[in-house]
Amino acid sequence: MRLAFVTLALLGGLAVRPAAAHDVWANGVIVPGWVKSACCGPDDAHHLRPEQVHRVSDDYYTVDGYRYRIPARAALPSQDGDYWIFYRDDGSGGQSTVYCFFVPMGF
C-alpha cells in the first residue's frame, strides 16, 4: 500500500512540473523532436510579437532585435500561430545566423 502511495505521489509530481519554454509552443502543444534538434536550446528561442516582425519585401523579413535580414524562403509554418526565431546571442552584440524562423501561415 505504501509503495502504491509513493508511486502515485511521484507520478503526480511529474505531471504537474512546469514545462520548459522549448518543450511546448505557446498554445501548449509539444514541440516536435525535429524542431529541438534542428534548432538549439531554450536560451536561443525568442518568442516574438507580430509587431516585431516585418516583411520588407517578397524576399526578406526583419525582426526587431535581430541584426540580419532573414530570407523569406527560410520561414517555416508556425505550429501555434505565433512568430518564433531561434538564434544564438552571445551577450556582447554578436548573433548567430537563424537556426529556425517560424511564421504564421495560412494554407
PDB file of N, CA and C in Angstrom:
ATOM      1  N   MET A   1       0.831  -1.192   0.000  1.00  0.00           N
ATOM      2  CA  MET A   1       0.000   0.000   0.000  1.00  0.00           C
ATOM      3  C   MET A   1       0.875   1.256   0.000  1.00  0.00           C
ATOM      4  N   ARG A   2       1.898   1.233   0.837  1.00  0.00           N
ATOM      5  CA  ARG A   2       2.774   2.407   0.919  1.00  0.00           C
ATOM      6  C   ARG A   2       3.501   2.635  -0.411  1.00  0.00           C
ATOM      7  N   LEU A   3       3.940   1.557  -1.056  1.00  0.00           N
ATOM      8  CA  LEU A   3       4.600   1.658  -2.350  1.00  0.00           C
ATOM      9  C   LEU A   3       3.679   2.282  -3.391  1.00  0.00           C
ATOM     10  N   ALA A   4       2.419   1.902  -3.380  1.00  0.00           N
ATOM     11  CA  ALA A   4       1.440   2.472  -4.324  1.00  0.00           C
ATOM     12  C   ALA A   4       1.282   3.967  -4.084  1.00  0.00           C
ATOM     13  N   PHE A   5       1.229   4.378  -2.819  1.00  0.00           N
ATOM     14  CA  PHE A   5       1.096   5.798  -2.496  1.00  0.00           C
ATOM     15  C   PHE A   5       2.314   6.591  -2.968  1.00  0.00           C
ATOM     16  N   VAL A   6       3.503   6.062  -2.733  1.00  0.00           N
ATOM     17  CA  VAL A   6       4.737   6.728  -3.159  1.00  0.00           C
ATOM     18  C   VAL A   6       4.779   6.829  -4.684  1.00  0.00           C
ATOM     19  N   THR A   7       4.404   5.770  -5.365  1.00  0.00           N
ATOM     20  CA  THR A   7       4.391   5.773  -6.828  1.00  0.00           C
ATOM     21  C   THR A   7       3.423   6.824  -7.350  1.00  0.00           C
ATOM     22  N   LEU A   8       2.225   6.883  -6.779  1.00  0.00           N
ATOM     23  CA  LEU A   8       1.246   7.893  -7.202  1.00  0.00           C
ATOM     24  C   LEU A   8       1.761   9.307  -6.931  1.00  0.00           C
ATOM     25  N   ALA A   9       2.394   9.511  -5.806  1.00  0.00           N
ATOM     26  CA  ALA A   9       2.937  10.832  -5.477  1.00  0.00           C
ATOM     27  C   ALA A   9       4.016  11.244  -6.473  1.00  0.00           C
ATOM     28  N   LEU A  10       4.881  10.308  -6.831  1.00  0.00           N
ATOM     29  CA  LEU A  10       5.931  10.615  -7.808  1.00  0.00           C
ATOM     30  C   LEU A  10       5.356  10.920  -9.182  1.00  0.00           C
ATOM     31  N   LEU A  11       4.406  10.116  -9.622  1.00  0.00           N
ATOM     32  CA  LEU A  11       3.781  10.362 -10.924  1.00  0.00           C
ATOM     33  C   LEU A  11       3.025  11.675 -10.941  1.00  0.00           C
ATOM     34  N   GLY A  12       2.344  11.974  -9.842  1.00  0.00           N
ATOM     35  CA  GLY A  12       1.628  13.239  -9.746  1.00  0.00           C
ATOM     36  C   GLY A  12       2.577  14.423  -9.799  1.00  0.00           C
ATOM     37  N   GLY A  13       3.719  14.301  -9.148  1.00  0.00           N
ATOM     38  CA  GLY A  13       4.719  15.368  -9.174  1.00  0.00           C
ATOM     39  C   GLY A  13       5.274  15.592 -10.555  1.00  0.00           C
ATOM     40  N   LEU A  14       5.452  14.515 -11.312  1.00  0.00           N
ATOM     41  CA  LEU A  14       5.942  14.655 -12.680  1.00  0.00           C
ATOM     42  C   LEU A  14       4.907  15.310 -13.574  1.00  0.00           C
ATOM     43  N   ALA A  15       3.643  15.016 -13.334  1.00  0.00           N
ATOM     44  CA  ALA A  15       2.577  15.551 -14.182  1.00  0.00           C
ATOM     45  C   ALA A  15       2.384  17.046 -13.997  1.00  0.00           C
ATOM     46  N   VAL A  16       2.682  17.572 -12.829  1.00  0.00           N
ATOM     47  CA  VAL A  16       2.438  18.983 -12.589  1.00  0.00           C
ATOM     48  C   VAL A  16       3.694  19.840 -12.683  1.00  0.00           C
ATOM     49  N   ARG A  17       4.825  19.231 -13.022  1.00  0.00           N
ATOM     50  CA  ARG A  17       6.030  20.055 -13.123  1.00  0.00           C
ATOM     51  C   ARG A  17       5.901  20.989 -14.324  1.00  0.00           C
ATOM     52  N   PRO A  18       6.375  22.232 -14.226  1.00  0.00           N
ATOM     53  CA  PRO A  18       6.237  23.161 -15.333  1.00  0.00           C
ATOM     54  C   PRO A  18       7.080  22.737 -16.528  1.00  0.00           C
ATOM     55  N   ALA A  19       6.568  22.997 -17.716  1.00  0.00           N
ATOM     56  CA  ALA A  19       7.298  22.671 -18.941  1.00  0.00           C
ATOM     57  C   ALA A  19       8.257  23.802 -19.274  1.00  0.00           C
ATOM     58  N   ALA A  20       9.419  23.460 -19.787  1.00  0.00           N
ATOM     59  CA  ALA A  20      10.384  24.475 -20.207  1.00  0.00           C
ATOM     60  C   ALA A  20       9.873  25.156 -21.478  1.00  0.00           C
ATOM     61  N   ALA A  21      10.327  26.359 -21.726  1.00  0.00           N
ATOM     62  CA  ALA A  21       9.855  27.133 -22.871  1.00  0.00           C
ATOM     63  C   ALA A  21      10.112  26.424 -24.193  1.00  0.00           C
ATOM     64  N   HIS A  22      11.138  25.610 -24.262  1.00  0.00           N
ATOM     65  CA  HIS A  22      11.474  24.942 -25.520  1.00  0.00           C
ATOM     66  C   HIS A  22      10.740  23.608 -25.665  1.00  0.00           C
ATOM     67  N   ASP A  23       9.928  23.236 -24.677  1.00  0.00           N
ATOM     68  CA  ASP A  23       9.216  21.969 -24.724  1.00  0.00           C
ATOM     69  C   ASP A  23       7.824  22.082 -25.322  1.00  0.00           C
ATOM     70  N   VAL A  24       7.221  23.259 -25.231  1.00  0.00           N
ATOM     71  CA  VAL A  24       5.865  23.440 -25.745  1.00  0.00           C
ATOM     72  C   VAL A  24       5.758  24.759 -26.501  1.00  0.00           C
ATOM     73  N   TRP A  25       4.861  24.763 -27.500  1.00  0.00           N
ATOM     74  CA  TRP A  25       4.538  26.010 -28.196  1.00  0.00           C
ATOM     75  C   TRP A  25       3.703  26.863 -27.240  1.00  0.00           C
ATOM     76  N   ALA A  26       3.417  28.084 -27.647  1.00  0.00           N
ATOM     77  CA  ALA A  26       2.629  28.985 -26.813  1.00  0.00           C
ATOM     78  C   ALA A  26       1.224  28.437 -26.547  1.00  0.00           C
ATOM     79  N   ASN A  27       0.712  27.590 -27.451  1.00  0.00           N
ATOM     80  CA  ASN A  27      -0.627  27.033 -27.274  1.00  0.00           C
ATOM     81  C   ASN A  27      -0.626  25.736 -26.475  1.00  0.00           C
ATOM     82  N   GLY A  28       0.524  25.331 -25.928  1.00  0.00           N
ATOM     83  CA  GLY A  28       0.614  24.149 -25.092  1.00  0.00           C
ATOM     84  C   GLY A  28       0.924  22.860 -25.823  1.00  0.00           C
ATOM     85  N   VAL A  29       0.955  22.892 -27.162  1.00  0.00           N
ATOM     86  CA  VAL A  29       1.275  21.699 -27.936  1.00  0.00           C
ATOM     87  C   VAL A  29       2.775  21.420 -27.824  1.00  0.00           C
ATOM     88  N   ILE A  30       3.133  20.162 -27.672  1.00  0.00           N
ATOM     89  CA  ILE A  30       4.532  19.770 -27.501  1.00  0.00           C
ATOM     90  C   ILE A  30       5.338  20.086 -28.767  1.00  0.00           C
ATOM     91  N   VAL A  31       6.512  20.666 -28.579  1.00  0.00           N
ATOM     92  CA  VAL A  31       7.425  20.951 -29.684  1.00  0.00           C
ATOM     93  C   VAL A  31       7.996  19.624 -30.184  1.00  0.00           C
ATOM     94  N   PRO A  32       7.875  19.358 -31.501  1.00  0.00           N
ATOM     95  CA  PRO A  32       8.393  18.097 -32.033  1.00  0.00           C
ATOM     96  C   PRO A  32       9.909  17.976 -31.848  1.00  0.00           C
ATOM     97  N   GLY A  33      10.382  16.751 -31.760  1.00  0.00           N
ATOM     98  CA  GLY A  33      11.804  16.490 -31.575  1.00  0.00           C
ATOM     99  C   GLY A  33      12.664  17.060 -32.682  1.00  0.00           C
ATOM    100  N   TRP A  34      12.161  17.058 -33.931  1.00  0.00           N
ATOM    101  CA  TRP A  34      12.970  17.579 -35.030  1.00  0.00           C
ATOM    102  C   TRP A  34      13.224  19.066 -34.868  1.00  0.00           C
ATOM    103  N   VAL A  35      12.272  19.802 -34.271  1.00  0.00           N
ATOM    104  CA  VAL A  35      12.472  21.236 -34.054  1.00  0.00           C
ATOM    105  C   VAL A  35      13.578  21.436 -33.031  1.00  0.00           C
ATOM    106  N   LYS A  36      13.517  20.666 -31.949  1.00  0.00           N
ATOM    107  CA  LYS A  36      14.543  20.791 -30.912  1.00  0.00           C
ATOM    108  C   LYS A  36      15.928  20.456 -31.446  1.00  0.00           C
ATOM    109  N   SER A  37      16.023  19.411 -32.250  1.00  0.00           N
ATOM    110  CA  SER A  37      17.344  19.016 -32.744  1.00  0.00           C
ATOM    111  C   SER A  37      17.822  19.933 -33.863  1.00  0.00           C
ATOM    112  N   ALA A  38      16.913  20.488 -34.647  1.00  0.00           N
ATOM    113  CA  ALA A  38      17.299  21.365 -35.748  1.00  0.00           C
ATOM    114  C   ALA A  38      17.592  22.775 -35.256  1.00  0.00           C
ATOM    115  N   CYS A  39      17.058  23.112 -34.107  1.00  0.00           N
ATOM    116  CA  CYS A  39      17.225  24.474 -33.615  1.00  0.00           C
ATOM    117  C   CYS A  39      18.345  24.527 -32.582  1.00  0.00           C
ATOM    118  N   CYS A  40      18.004  24.556 -31.332  1.00  0.00           N
ATOM    119  CA  CYS A  40      19.003  24.872 -30.332  1.00  0.00           C
ATOM    120  C   CYS A  40      18.438  24.657 -28.949  1.00  0.00           C
ATOM    121  N   GLY A  41      18.956  25.411 -27.977  1.00  0.00           N
ATOM    122  CA  GLY A  41      18.494  25.305 -26.605  1.00  0.00           C
ATOM    123  C   GLY A  41      17.520  26.411 -26.242  1.00  0.00           C
ATOM    124  N   PRO A  42      16.958  26.350 -25.040  1.00  0.00           N
ATOM    125  CA  PRO A  42      15.956  27.319 -24.605  1.00  0.00           C
ATOM    126  C   PRO A  42      16.430  28.772 -24.636  1.00  0.00           C
ATOM    127  N   ASP A  43      17.724  29.027 -24.416  1.00  0.00           N
ATOM    128  CA  ASP A  43      18.222  30.399 -24.433  1.00  0.00           C
ATOM    129  C   ASP A  43      18.213  30.994 -25.839  1.00  0.00           C
ATOM    130  N   ASP A  44      18.136  30.141 -26.846  1.00  0.00           N
ATOM    131  CA  ASP A  44      18.174  30.611 -28.225  1.00  0.00           C
ATOM    132  C   ASP A  44      16.789  30.800 -28.822  1.00  0.00           C
ATOM    133  N   ALA A  45      15.749  30.441 -28.092  1.00  0.00           N
ATOM    134  CA  ALA A  45      14.370  30.582 -28.563  1.00  0.00           C
ATOM    135  C   ALA A  45      13.851  31.972 -28.202  1.00  0.00           C
ATOM    136  N   HIS A  46      13.348  32.670 -29.201  1.00  0.00           N
ATOM    137  CA  HIS A  46      12.816  34.016 -28.994  1.00  0.00           C
ATOM    138  C   HIS A  46      11.388  34.046 -29.516  1.00  0.00           C
ATOM    139  N   HIS A  47      10.431  34.169 -28.603  1.00  0.00           N
ATOM    140  CA  HIS A  47       9.011  34.246 -28.939  1.00  0.00           C
ATOM    141  C   HIS A  47       8.718  35.704 -29.279  1.00  0.00           C
ATOM    142  N   LEU A  48       8.182  35.947 -30.451  1.00  0.00           N
ATOM    143  CA  LEU A  48       8.013  37.306 -30.946  1.00  0.00           C
ATOM    144  C   LEU A  48       6.555  37.736 -30.977  1.00  0.00           C
ATOM    145  N   ARG A  49       6.338  39.027 -30.783  1.00  0.00           N
ATOM    146  CA  ARG A  49       5.021  39.621 -31.012  1.00  0.00           C
ATOM    147  C   ARG A  49       4.929  39.988 -32.493  1.00  0.00           C
ATOM    148  N   PRO A  50       3.740  39.983 -33.072  1.00  0.00           N
ATOM    149  CA  PRO A  50       3.617  40.288 -34.507  1.00  0.00           C
ATOM    150  C   PRO A  50       4.243  41.625 -34.905  1.00  0.00           C
ATOM    151  N   GLU A  51       4.163  42.614 -34.035  1.00  0.00           N
ATOM    152  CA  GLU A  51       4.718  43.933 -34.387  1.00  0.00           C
ATOM    153  C   GLU A  51       6.252  43.948 -34.414  1.00  0.00           C
ATOM    154  N   GLN A  52       6.899  42.891 -33.961  1.00  0.00           N
ATOM    155  CA  GLN A  52       8.361  42.795 -34.003  1.00  0.00           C
ATOM    156  C   GLN A  52       8.869  42.203 -35.321  1.00  0.00           C
ATOM    157  N   VAL A  53       7.962  41.687 -36.142  1.00  0.00           N
ATOM    158  CA  VAL A  53       8.334  41.015 -37.387  1.00  0.00           C
ATOM    159  C   VAL A  53       7.863  41.865 -38.559  1.00  0.00           C
ATOM    160  N   HIS A  54       8.767  42.083 -39.509  1.00  0.00           N
ATOM    161  CA  HIS A  54       8.465  42.955 -40.651  1.00  0.00           C
ATOM    162  C   HIS A  54       8.814  42.250 -41.955  1.00  0.00           C
ATOM    163  N   ARG A  55       7.852  42.148 -42.833  1.00  0.00           N
ATOM    164  CA  ARG A  55       8.122  41.612 -44.179  1.00  0.00           C
ATOM    165  C   ARG A  55       8.536  42.808 -45.018  1.00  0.00           C
ATOM    166  N   VAL A  56       9.819  42.939 -45.325  1.00  0.00           N
ATOM    167  CA  VAL A  56      10.334  44.130 -46.003  1.00  0.00           C
ATOM    168  C   VAL A  56      10.281  44.011 -47.521  1.00  0.00           C
ATOM    169  N   SER A  57      10.140  42.797 -48.008  1.00  0.00           N
ATOM    170  CA  SER A  57       9.985  42.570 -49.446  1.00  0.00           C
ATOM    171  C   SER A  57       9.481  41.144 -49.624  1.00  0.00           C
ATOM    172  N   ASP A  58       9.288  40.741 -50.847  1.00  0.00           N
ATOM    173  CA  ASP A  58       8.895  39.351 -51.096  1.00  0.00           C
ATOM    174  C   ASP A  58      10.003  38.389 -50.696  1.00  0.00           C
ATOM    175  N   ASP A  59      11.216  38.899 -50.584  1.00  0.00           N
ATOM    176  CA  ASP A  59      12.374  38.042 -50.353  1.00  0.00           C
ATOM    177  C   ASP A  59      12.884  37.999 -48.917  1.00  0.00           C
ATOM    178  N   TYR A  60      12.519  38.991 -48.081  1.00  0.00           N
ATOM    179  CA  TYR A  60      13.136  39.088 -46.750  1.00  0.00           C
ATOM    180  C   TYR A  60      12.175  39.516 -45.660  1.00  0.00           C
ATOM    181  N   TYR A  61      12.517  39.075 -44.440  1.00  0.00           N
ATOM    182  CA  TYR A  61      11.916  39.555 -43.200  1.00  0.00           C
ATOM    183  C   TYR A  61      13.009  40.252 -42.408  1.00  0.00           C
ATOM    184  N   THR A  62      12.594  41.172 -41.534  1.00  0.00           N
ATOM    185  CA  THR A  62      13.470  41.663 -40.473  1.00  0.00           C
ATOM    186  C   THR A  62      12.732  41.468 -39.152  1.00  0.00           C
ATOM    187  N   VAL A  63      13.507  41.310 -38.086  1.00  0.00           N
ATOM    188  CA  VAL A  63      12.952  41.108 -36.753  1.00  0.00           C
ATOM    189  C   VAL A  63      13.627  42.104 -35.822  1.00  0.00           C
ATOM    190  N   ASP A  64      12.824  42.849 -35.072  1.00  0.00           N
ATOM    191  CA  ASP A  64      13.375  43.791 -34.099  1.00  0.00           C
ATOM    192  C   ASP A  64      14.310  43.053 -33.151  1.00  0.00           C
ATOM    193  N   GLY A  65      15.508  43.581 -32.961  1.00  0.00           N
ATOM    194  CA  GLY A  65      16.481  42.989 -32.056  1.00  0.00           C
ATOM    195  C   GLY A  65      17.419  41.989 -32.712  1.00  0.00           C
ATOM    196  N   TYR A  66      17.106  41.604 -33.956  1.00  0.00           N
ATOM    197  CA  TYR A  66      17.991  40.695 -34.680  1.00  0.00           C
ATOM    198  C   TYR A  66      18.617  41.473 -35.831  1.00  0.00           C
ATOM    199  N   ARG A  67      19.914  41.422 -35.954  1.00  0.00           N
ATOM    200  CA  ARG A  67      20.628  42.337 -36.853  1.00  0.00           C
ATOM    201  C   ARG A  67      20.613  41.959 -38.329  1.00  0.00           C
ATOM    202  N   TYR A  68      20.304  40.713 -38.660  1.00  0.00           N
ATOM    203  CA  TYR A  68      20.382  40.285 -40.057  1.00  0.00           C
ATOM    204  C   TYR A  68      18.997  40.146 -40.684  1.00  0.00           C
ATOM    205  N   ARG A  69      18.943  40.333 -42.002  1.00  0.00           N
ATOM    206  CA  ARG A  69      17.705  40.045 -42.730  1.00  0.00           C
ATOM    207  C   ARG A  69      17.543  38.525 -42.814  1.00  0.00           C
ATOM    208  N   ILE A  70      16.306  38.087 -42.834  1.00  0.00           N
ATOM    209  CA  ILE A  70      16.009  36.650 -42.892  1.00  0.00           C
ATOM    210  C   ILE A  70      15.335  36.359 -44.228  1.00  0.00           C
ATOM    211  N   PRO A  71      15.898  35.490 -45.036  1.00  0.00           N
ATOM    212  CA  PRO A  71      15.262  35.157 -46.312  1.00  0.00           C
ATOM    213  C   PRO A  71      13.861  34.580 -46.088  1.00  0.00           C
ATOM    214  N   ALA A  72      12.901  35.046 -46.867  1.00  0.00           N
ATOM    215  CA  ALA A  72      11.527  34.546 -46.737  1.00  0.00           C
ATOM    216  C   ALA A  72      11.455  33.045 -46.977  1.00  0.00           C
ATOM    217  N   ARG A  73      12.330  32.519 -47.813  1.00  0.00           N
ATOM    218  CA  ARG A  73      12.324  31.078 -48.088  1.00  0.00           C
ATOM    219  C   ARG A  73      12.722  30.255 -46.866  1.00  0.00           C
ATOM    220  N   ALA A  74      13.328  30.898 -45.848  1.00  0.00           N
ATOM    221  CA  ALA A  74      13.729  30.200 -44.629  1.00  0.00           C
ATOM    222  C   ALA A  74      12.579  30.089 -43.625  1.00  0.00           C
ATOM    223  N   ALA A  75      11.486  30.810 -43.859  1.00  0.00           N
ATOM    224  CA  ALA A  75      10.355  30.783 -42.927  1.00  0.00           C
ATOM    225  C   ALA A  75       9.659  29.424 -42.960  1.00  0.00           C
ATOM    226  N   LEU A  76       9.391  28.906 -41.767  1.00  0.00           N
ATOM    227  CA  LEU A  76       8.679  27.643 -41.608  1.00  0.00           C
ATOM    228  C   LEU A  76       7.295  27.920 -41.036  1.00  0.00           C
ATOM    229  N   PRO A  77       6.303  27.076 -41.321  1.00  0.00           N
ATOM    230  CA  PRO A  77       4.968  27.308 -40.765  1.00  0.00           C
ATOM    231  C   PRO A  77       4.947  27.122 -39.251  1.00  0.00           C
ATOM    232  N   SER A  78       4.413  28.103 -38.551  1.00  0.00           N
ATOM    233  CA  SER A  78       4.306  28.049 -37.094  1.00  0.00           C
ATOM    234  C   SER A  78       3.218  27.066 -36.697  1.00  0.00           C
ATOM    235  N   GLN A  79       3.520  26.261 -35.691  1.00  0.00           N
ATOM    236  CA  GLN A  79       2.555  25.272 -35.212  1.00  0.00           C
ATOM    237  C   GLN A  79       1.527  25.867 -34.262  1.00  0.00           C
ATOM    238  N   ASP A  80       1.814  27.039 -33.697  1.00  0.00           N
ATOM    239  CA  ASP A  80       0.890  27.626 -32.743  1.00  0.00           C
ATOM    240  C   ASP A  80       0.359  28.991 -33.180  1.00  0.00           C
ATOM    241  N   GLY A  81       0.673  29.396 -34.418  1.00  0.00           N
ATOM    242  CA  GLY A  81       0.175  30.670 -34.915  1.00  0.00           C
ATOM    243  C   GLY A  81       0.952  31.873 -34.432  1.00  0.00           C
ATOM    244  N   ASP A  82       2.058  31.660 -33.725  1.00  0.00           N
ATOM    245  CA  ASP A  82       2.903  32.747 -33.234  1.00  0.00           C
ATOM    246  C   ASP A  82       4.207  32.786 -34.021  1.00  0.00           C
ATOM    247  N   TYR A  83       4.908  33.908 -33.895  1.00  0.00           N
ATOM    248  CA  TYR A  83       6.235  34.049 -34.506  1.00  0.00           C
ATOM    249  C   TYR A  83       7.287  33.575 -33.511  1.00  0.00           C
ATOM    250  N   TRP A  84       8.273  32.822 -34.012  1.00  0.00           N
ATOM    251  CA  TRP A  84       9.393  32.340 -33.211  1.00  0.00           C
ATOM    252  C   TRP A  84      10.654  32.463 -34.058  1.00  0.00           C
ATOM    253  N   ILE A  85      11.741  32.893 -33.431  1.00  0.00           N
ATOM    254  CA  ILE A  85      13.041  32.893 -34.101  1.00  0.00           C
ATOM    255  C   ILE A  85      14.045  32.253 -33.145  1.00  0.00           C
ATOM    256  N   PHE A  86      14.910  31.422 -33.694  1.00  0.00           N
ATOM    257  CA  PHE A  86      15.919  30.716 -32.899  1.00  0.00           C
ATOM    258  C   PHE A  86      17.299  31.112 -33.421  1.00  0.00           C
ATOM    259  N   TYR A  87      18.077  31.728 -32.562  1.00  0.00           N
ATOM    260  CA  TYR A  87      19.451  32.102 -32.881  1.00  0.00           C
ATOM    261  C   TYR A  87      20.215  32.272 -31.586  1.00  0.00           C
ATOM    262  N   ARG A  88      21.518  32.276 -31.679  1.00  0.00           N
ATOM    263  CA  ARG A  88      22.378  32.438 -30.509  1.00  0.00           C
ATOM    264  C   ARG A  88      22.783  33.901 -30.385  1.00  0.00           C
ATOM    265  N   ASP A  89      22.636  34.438 -29.188  1.00  0.00           N
ATOM    266  CA  ASP A  89      23.057  35.805 -28.873  1.00  0.00           C
ATOM    267  C   ASP A  89      24.138  35.688 -27.809  1.00  0.00           C
ATOM    268  N   ASP A  90      25.362  36.138 -28.123  1.00  0.00           N
ATOM    269  CA  ASP A  90      26.469  35.927 -27.182  1.00  0.00           C
ATOM    270  C   ASP A  90      26.529  36.942 -26.049  1.00  0.00           C
ATOM    271  N   GLY A  91      25.578  37.881 -26.006  1.00  0.00           N
ATOM    272  CA  GLY A  91      25.532  38.839 -24.906  1.00  0.00           C
ATOM    273  C   GLY A  91      26.374  40.076 -25.121  1.00  0.00           C
ATOM    274  N   SER A  92      27.258  40.055 -26.096  1.00  0.00           N
ATOM    275  CA  SER A  92      28.085  41.241 -26.352  1.00  0.00           C
ATOM    276  C   SER A  92      27.796  41.811 -27.744  1.00  0.00           C
ATOM    277  N   GLY A  93      26.603  41.563 -28.232  1.00  0.00           N
ATOM    278  CA  GLY A  93      26.212  42.109 -29.534  1.00  0.00           C
ATOM    279  C   GLY A  93      26.376  41.142 -30.688  1.00  0.00           C
ATOM    280  N   GLY A  94      27.046  40.022 -30.468  1.00  0.00           N
ATOM    281  CA  GLY A  94      27.225  39.039 -31.523  1.00  0.00           C
ATOM    282  C   GLY A  94      26.023  38.123 -31.624  1.00  0.00           C
ATOM    283  N   GLN A  95      25.588  37.876 -32.845  1.00  0.00           N
ATOM    284  CA  GLN A  95      24.451  36.995 -33.066  1.00  0.00           C
ATOM    285  C   GLN A  95      24.785  35.995 -34.162  1.00  0.00           C
ATOM    286  N   SER A  96      24.296  34.780 -33.983  1.00  0.00           N
ATOM    287  CA  SER A  96      24.489  33.746 -34.997  1.00  0.00           C
ATOM    288  C   SER A  96      23.489  33.960 -36.134  1.00  0.00           C
ATOM    289  N   THR A  97      23.634  33.143 -37.148  1.00  0.00           N
ATOM    290  CA  THR A  97      22.585  33.103 -38.167  1.00  0.00           C
ATOM    291  C   THR A  97      21.363  32.434 -37.544  1.00  0.00           C
ATOM    292  N   VAL A  98      20.234  32.562 -38.197  1.00  0.00           N
ATOM    293  CA  VAL A  98      18.989  31.977 -37.702  1.00  0.00           C
ATOM    294  C   VAL A  98      19.033  30.464 -37.864  1.00  0.00           C
ATOM    295  N   TYR A  99      18.704  29.747 -36.786  1.00  0.00           N
ATOM    296  CA  TYR A  99      18.578  28.293 -36.858  1.00  0.00           C
ATOM    297  C   TYR A  99      17.218  27.920 -37.426  1.00  0.00           C
ATOM    298  N   CYS A 100      16.160  28.556 -36.881  1.00  0.00           N
ATOM    299  CA  CYS A 100      14.790  28.324 -37.330  1.00  0.00           C
ATOM    300  C   CYS A 100      14.009  29.618 -37.207  1.00  0.00           C
ATOM    301  N   PHE A 101      13.088  29.833 -38.118  1.00  0.00           N
ATOM    302  CA  PHE A 101      12.205  31.005 -38.078  1.00  0.00           C
ATOM    303  C   PHE A 101      10.805  30.533 -38.413  1.00  0.00           C
ATOM    304  N   PHE A 102       9.892  30.628 -37.433  1.00  0.00           N
ATOM    305  CA  PHE A 102       8.525  30.157 -37.596  1.00  0.00           C
ATOM    306  C   PHE A 102       7.579  31.344 -37.744  1.00  0.00           C
ATOM    307  N   VAL A 103       6.726  31.261 -38.758  1.00  0.00           N
ATOM    308  CA  VAL A 103       5.823  32.347 -39.116  1.00  0.00           C
ATOM    309  C   VAL A 103       4.410  31.776 -39.277  1.00  0.00           C
ATOM    310  N   PRO A 104       3.383  32.478 -38.772  1.00  0.00           N
ATOM    311  CA  PRO A 104       2.021  32.016 -39.028  1.00  0.00           C
ATOM    312  C   PRO A 104       1.756  32.062 -40.536  1.00  0.00           C
ATOM    313  N   MET A 105       1.259  30.971 -41.060  1.00  0.00           N
ATOM    314  CA  MET A 105       0.995  30.902 -42.498  1.00  0.00           C
ATOM    315  C   MET A 105      -0.408  30.348 -42.708  1.00  0.00           C
ATOM    316  N   GLY A 106      -1.165  31.003 -43.561  1.00  0.00           N
ATOM    317  CA  GLY A 106      -2.483  30.499 -43.917  1.00  0.00           C
ATOM    318  C   GLY A 106      -2.393  29.579 -45.116  1.00  0.00           C
ATOM    319  N   PHE A 107      -2.843  28.355 -44.940  1.00  0.00           N
ATOM    320  CA  PHE A 107      -2.787  27.401 -46.046  1.00  0.00           C
ATOM    321  C   PHE A 107      -4.164  27.150 -46.575  1.00  0.00           C
TER     322      PHE A 107
END
